[in-house]
Amino acid sequence: MLVSNTIQILVGDSRQLLQRIQSGTVQCCISSPPYWGLRNYHHPDQIGAESSPEEYVANLVAVFRGVHRLLREDGTLWLNVGDGYARNGGTGRSGPNALVGNTKKLIQQRNCKVPTCWGLKDRDLMGLPWRLVFALQEDGWLLRSRITWIKKAPMPESVKNRPSNATEEIFLLAKNPSYYYDNQAVREKTGANLKNYWLLGPDASGAPHPAVFPRELARRCVLLGSRPGDVILDPFSGSGTTGVVAAEANRKAILVELNPAYAEQSRLRINRDRQLTMIS
């Protein structure tokens, strides 16, 4: 699906589609894979619906092994991954296996059985972001930074026995020690080097997708990790935010989306945003 001469959307499973792209064509990958056991995207090949978090991690390692091949030697990966709690039992509107109203027909579906791995117990925080990143390290990636995304408007929680969650992790990984990073592209308001915590709020995407990350998050990653004209990759493009930001920053983009409906929504969104930019 060609959105323009600079933005391309591929519909299908990243594990297969990335194999069709020539090695060394991508400068920067920015992505937020589906979180494990959280949402049902209604597709038989979806990642995040595995029977165990170990299988989830293994599937993502396979995807990003393909990304590693596609990156230039000085390329980077910016990865946002969410965590979750191991839970047993529970039914109804708020139990761990409850169906919670989300965006239109989409639902939030929580795992309801403690996985038999990693010594997990009922109510354990699973540490999935770090388990994935450690697995990526073992697979050859160089871990360079952990950035804390502080959410201005986090999802409300009714918990009474721990602090409410208001942060997620963004990891900067590189293919090699000598990687491209433009530390002048995004600075603190004082002019100082950018710090590893980003206070960011949500913004409207105009697309009915339940997991949209802020444009400013993607914009920072694009500007820090690439040059004008470079190719940006997102193997889990969702609502197309990476493509929208890449186009605004004069970059090319390859977006991969498993769900044809989301791919079409992304195409419409990117075309709409390009038209608005041209009019303004």
Protein backbone atom coordinates (compact mmCIF):
# COMPACT_ATOMS: atom_id res chain seq x y z
CA MET A 1 0.00 0.00 0.00
CA LEU A 2 1.84 3.09 -1.26
CA VAL A 3 0.66 6.22 0.55
CA SER A 4 3.09 8.49 -1.32
CA ASN A 5 6.49 8.26 -2.93
CA THR A 6 8.02 8.45 0.57
CA ILE A 7 5.58 6.49 2.80
CA GLN A 8 4.82 2.80 2.28
CA ILE A 9 2.48 0.61 4.33
CA LEU A 10 2.94 -3.17 4.17
CA VAL A 11 0.02 -5.26 5.37
CA GLY A 12 0.88 -8.56 7.04
CA ASP A 13 3.11 -10.22 9.63
CA SER A 14 6.42 -8.42 10.25
CA ARG A 15 8.19 -11.75 10.68
CA GLN A 16 7.55 -12.48 7.00
CA LEU A 17 7.35 -9.03 5.39
CA LEU A 18 10.66 -7.73 6.76
CA GLN A 19 12.41 -10.52 4.87
CA ARG A 20 11.38 -8.87 1.58
CA ILE A 21 13.18 -5.60 2.33
CA GLN A 22 16.78 -5.14 1.28
CA SER A 23 19.40 -5.23 4.05
CA GLY A 24 20.87 -1.92 5.17
CA THR A 25 18.06 0.27 3.82
CA VAL A 26 16.73 1.56 7.16
CA GLN A 27 18.40 4.17 9.34
CA CYS A 28 16.09 4.13 12.34
CA CYS A 29 13.34 1.89 13.71
CA ILE A 30 10.70 3.31 16.07
CA SER A 31 8.04 0.99 17.40
CA SER A 32 5.71 0.02 20.22
CA PRO A 33 4.76 -3.66 19.90
CA PRO A 34 1.46 -4.94 21.33
CA TYR A 35 1.74 -5.53 25.07
CA TRP A 36 1.40 -9.10 26.26
CA GLY A 37 -2.00 -10.27 27.52
CA LEU A 38 -3.55 -6.81 27.44
CA ARG A 39 -5.61 -6.32 24.27
CA ASN A 40 -7.26 -8.47 21.66
CA TYR A 41 -6.59 -7.13 18.15
CA HIS A 42 -8.79 -9.82 16.59
CA HIS A 43 -6.19 -11.41 14.32
CA PRO A 44 -4.99 -15.04 14.50
CA ASP A 45 -1.32 -14.07 14.02
CA GLN A 46 -1.24 -11.23 16.54
CA ILE A 47 1.71 -10.85 18.86
CA GLY A 48 0.69 -10.30 22.48
CA ALA A 49 -1.83 -13.14 22.67
CA GLU A 50 0.74 -15.91 23.28
CA SER A 51 0.06 -18.49 25.97
CA SER A 52 3.16 -17.37 27.92
CA PRO A 53 5.29 -14.22 28.18
CA GLU A 54 8.33 -16.31 27.27
CA GLU A 55 6.80 -17.04 23.87
CA TYR A 56 5.92 -13.33 23.54
CA VAL A 57 9.54 -12.34 24.15
CA ALA A 58 10.79 -14.97 21.69
CA ASN A 59 8.42 -13.72 18.97
CA LEU A 60 9.57 -10.12 19.44
CA VAL A 61 13.24 -11.14 19.38
CA ALA A 62 12.53 -12.77 16.01
CA VAL A 63 10.90 -9.58 14.69
CA PHE A 64 13.75 -7.34 15.82
CA ARG A 65 16.32 -9.78 14.46
CA GLY A 66 14.80 -8.90 11.10
CA VAL A 67 15.00 -5.20 11.97
CA HIS A 68 18.69 -5.62 12.86
CA ARG A 69 19.37 -6.93 9.35
CA LEU A 70 17.57 -4.01 7.73
CA LEU A 71 19.38 -1.29 9.68
CA ARG A 72 22.40 0.51 8.35
CA GLU A 73 25.59 -0.10 10.28
CA ASP A 74 25.03 3.14 12.23
CA GLY A 75 21.30 2.52 12.72
CA THR A 76 19.26 2.57 15.93
CA LEU A 77 16.11 1.05 17.40
CA TRP A 78 13.80 3.06 19.68
CA LEU A 79 11.53 0.63 21.49
CA ASN A 80 8.53 1.34 23.74
CA VAL A 81 7.28 -1.68 25.70
CA GLY A 82 4.72 -1.86 28.49
CA ASP A 83 4.71 -4.06 31.57
CA GLY A 84 1.97 -6.07 33.26
CA TYR A 85 1.03 -7.98 36.38
CA ALA A 86 0.67 -11.73 36.82
CA ARG A 87 -2.79 -12.50 38.15
CA ASN A 88 -4.91 -15.51 39.06
CA GLY A 89 -8.70 -15.80 38.79
CA GLY A 90 -11.20 -12.97 38.90
CA THR A 91 -14.32 -12.26 36.87
CA GLY A 92 -16.72 -9.43 36.27
CA ARG A 93 -16.10 -5.82 35.28
CA SER A 94 -12.76 -5.32 37.03
CA GLY A 95 -11.20 -8.77 37.47
CA PRO A 96 -7.98 -9.72 35.74
CA ASN A 97 -9.90 -11.52 32.99
CA ALA A 98 -12.53 -8.81 32.63
CA LEU A 99 -13.51 -7.29 29.32
CA VAL A 100 -13.17 -3.54 29.74
CA GLY A 101 -14.81 -1.07 27.38
CA ASN A 102 -12.22 0.69 25.23
CA THR A 103 -12.45 2.29 21.81
CA LYS A 104 -15.65 1.40 19.96
CA LYS A 105 -15.61 -2.38 19.36
CA LEU A 106 -12.08 -2.89 20.64
CA ILE A 107 -11.65 -4.39 24.09
CA GLN A 108 -9.05 -4.57 26.79
CA GLN A 109 -8.52 -8.20 27.74
CA ARG A 110 -6.30 -9.02 30.68
CA ASN A 111 -4.45 -12.27 31.29
CA CYS A 112 -6.07 -14.30 34.09
CA LYS A 113 -3.51 -16.99 34.91
CA VAL A 114 -0.07 -16.59 36.45
CA PRO A 115 2.49 -17.83 33.90
CA THR A 116 4.68 -20.74 34.96
CA CYS A 117 7.99 -18.99 34.27
CA TRP A 118 10.50 -16.62 35.86
CA GLY A 119 9.28 -17.52 39.36
CA LEU A 120 6.19 -15.37 38.89
CA LYS A 121 3.59 -15.30 41.65
CA ASP A 122 0.11 -13.86 41.88
CA ARG A 123 0.26 -10.03 41.61
CA ASP A 124 3.92 -10.00 40.56
CA LEU A 125 5.01 -7.19 38.26
CA MET A 126 6.45 -9.24 35.39
CA GLY A 127 9.22 -6.87 34.29
CA LEU A 128 8.48 -7.57 30.61
CA PRO A 129 10.28 -4.52 29.15
CA TRP A 130 13.57 -5.49 30.75
CA ARG A 131 13.16 -9.19 30.02
CA LEU A 132 12.69 -8.34 26.35
CA VAL A 133 15.63 -5.95 26.27
CA PHE A 134 17.93 -8.44 27.97
CA ALA A 135 16.88 -11.02 25.36
CA LEU A 136 17.66 -8.48 22.60
CA GLN A 137 21.09 -7.89 24.16
CA GLU A 138 21.77 -11.61 24.01
CA ASP A 139 20.69 -11.57 20.37
CA GLY A 140 23.30 -8.96 19.45
CA TRP A 141 21.76 -5.57 20.15
CA LEU A 142 23.67 -2.87 22.04
CA LEU A 143 21.58 -1.27 24.78
CA ARG A 144 22.50 2.42 25.09
CA SER A 145 19.77 4.12 27.11
CA ARG A 146 16.57 3.66 29.07
CA ILE A 147 14.23 6.64 28.84
CA THR A 148 11.30 7.00 31.22
CA TRP A 149 8.17 8.26 29.51
CA ILE A 150 6.19 10.15 32.16
CA LYS A 151 2.56 10.37 31.08
CA LYS A 152 0.70 13.63 31.60
CA ALA A 153 -2.64 11.80 31.46
CA PRO A 154 -2.08 8.18 32.54
CA MET A 155 -4.81 5.55 32.53
CA PRO A 156 -6.60 5.77 35.91
CA GLU A 157 -6.26 2.80 38.25
CA SER A 158 -8.38 1.94 41.29
CA VAL A 159 -5.54 0.18 43.14
CA LYS A 160 -5.07 0.72 46.87
CA ASN A 161 -1.96 -1.36 47.61
CA ARG A 162 0.64 0.25 45.30
CA PRO A 163 1.23 3.54 43.47
CA SER A 164 -0.70 4.00 40.25
CA ASN A 165 1.28 3.48 37.06
CA ALA A 166 2.13 6.67 35.16
CA THR A 167 5.31 5.75 33.28
CA GLU A 168 6.56 3.48 30.52
CA GLU A 169 10.01 2.63 29.19
CA ILE A 170 11.59 3.67 25.91
CA PHE A 171 14.85 1.90 25.07
CA LEU A 172 17.54 3.11 22.70
CA LEU A 173 19.37 0.18 21.13
CA ALA A 174 22.03 0.25 18.43
CA LYS A 175 23.38 -2.15 15.85
CA ASN A 176 27.00 -1.09 16.50
CA PRO A 177 28.91 1.11 18.98
CA SER A 178 29.42 3.81 16.31
CA TYR A 179 25.79 4.74 15.65
CA TYR A 180 24.15 7.94 14.41
CA TYR A 181 22.72 10.15 17.15
CA ASP A 182 22.12 13.88 16.63
CA ASN A 183 22.26 15.31 20.14
CA GLN A 184 21.60 18.81 18.78
CA ALA A 185 18.28 17.88 17.18
CA VAL A 186 16.32 17.91 20.45
CA ARG A 187 17.54 19.82 23.50
CA GLU A 188 16.20 20.79 26.89
CA LYS A 189 14.62 24.28 27.13
CA THR A 190 17.81 25.45 28.81
CA GLY A 191 19.87 24.26 25.86
CA ALA A 192 21.32 21.35 27.85
CA ASN A 193 21.62 17.81 26.57
CA LEU A 194 18.29 15.97 26.52
CA LYS A 195 17.66 13.99 29.71
CA ASN A 196 16.41 10.41 29.93
CA TYR A 197 12.94 11.28 31.20
CA TRP A 198 10.28 12.69 28.88
CA LEU A 199 7.09 14.28 30.19
CA LEU A 200 4.61 13.80 27.36
CA GLY A 201 0.86 13.97 27.02
CA PRO A 202 -1.51 12.17 24.67
CA ASP A 203 -2.72 13.69 21.44
CA ALA A 204 -5.65 12.83 19.20
CA SER A 205 -4.82 10.64 16.22
CA GLY A 206 -8.23 10.66 14.58
CA ALA A 207 -7.97 6.87 14.28
CA PRO A 208 -9.92 4.33 16.39
CA HIS A 209 -6.87 2.52 17.74
CA PRO A 210 -6.52 1.75 21.48
CA ALA A 211 -2.76 2.28 21.80
CA VAL A 212 -1.57 5.51 20.21
CA PHE A 213 1.70 7.00 21.41
CA PRO A 214 2.23 10.78 21.30
CA ARG A 215 3.60 12.43 18.16
CA GLU A 216 6.21 14.19 20.27
CA LEU A 217 7.58 10.84 21.41
CA ALA A 218 8.01 9.69 17.81
CA ARG A 219 9.31 13.11 16.73
CA ARG A 220 12.13 13.05 19.24
CA CYS A 221 13.19 9.57 18.17
CA VAL A 222 13.06 10.49 14.47
CA LEU A 223 15.11 13.68 14.89
CA LEU A 224 17.67 12.14 17.24
CA GLY A 225 18.14 8.97 15.21
CA SER A 226 18.03 10.02 11.56
CA ARG A 227 18.83 12.62 8.90
CA PRO A 228 16.44 14.20 6.37
CA GLY A 229 15.77 11.72 3.59
CA ASP A 230 16.53 8.66 5.74
CA VAL A 231 14.17 5.69 5.95
CA ILE A 232 12.27 5.13 9.21
CA LEU A 233 10.77 1.70 9.95
CA ASP A 234 7.90 0.72 12.24
CA PRO A 235 7.12 -3.03 12.23
CA PHE A 236 4.02 -2.49 14.42
CA SER A 237 2.66 0.72 12.93
CA GLY A 238 -0.81 0.68 14.54
CA SER A 239 -2.37 4.09 13.93
CA GLY A 240 0.55 5.26 11.78
CA THR A 241 2.07 7.84 14.13
CA THR A 242 5.63 6.98 13.07
CA GLY A 243 4.70 7.54 9.42
CA VAL A 244 2.97 10.84 10.14
CA VAL A 245 6.00 12.17 12.03
CA ALA A 246 8.47 10.83 9.45
CA ALA A 247 6.64 12.70 6.68
CA GLU A 248 6.57 15.91 8.71
CA ALA A 249 10.33 15.64 9.34
CA ASN A 250 11.18 15.04 5.66
CA ARG A 251 11.98 11.36 6.16
CA LYS A 252 10.79 8.30 4.29
CA ALA A 253 8.95 5.53 6.12
CA ILE A 254 8.11 1.85 5.84
CA LEU A 255 5.20 0.86 8.06
CA VAL A 256 4.14 -2.75 8.69
CA GLU A 257 0.69 -3.49 10.11
CA LEU A 258 -0.93 -6.89 10.60
CA ASN A 259 -4.52 -5.66 10.70
CA PRO A 260 -5.79 -4.42 7.29
CA ALA A 261 -8.31 -2.10 8.97
CA TYR A 262 -5.58 -0.32 10.95
CA ALA A 263 -3.42 -0.10 7.82
CA GLU A 264 -6.24 1.61 5.94
CA GLN A 265 -6.85 3.97 8.87
CA SER A 266 -3.15 4.85 8.84
CA ARG A 267 -3.24 5.55 5.11
CA LEU A 268 -6.19 7.89 5.51
CA ARG A 269 -4.60 9.61 8.51
CA ILE A 270 -1.25 10.18 6.78
CA ASN A 271 -2.94 11.52 3.64
CA ARG A 272 -5.16 13.80 5.72
CA ASP A 273 -2.19 15.18 7.67
CA ARG A 274 -0.18 15.77 4.49
CA GLN A 275 -3.08 17.71 2.97
CA LEU A 276 -3.45 19.82 6.11
CA THR A 277 0.29 20.58 6.04
CA MET A 278 0.12 21.64 2.41
CA ILE A 279 -2.89 23.89 3.09
CA SER A 280 -1.28 25.56 6.09
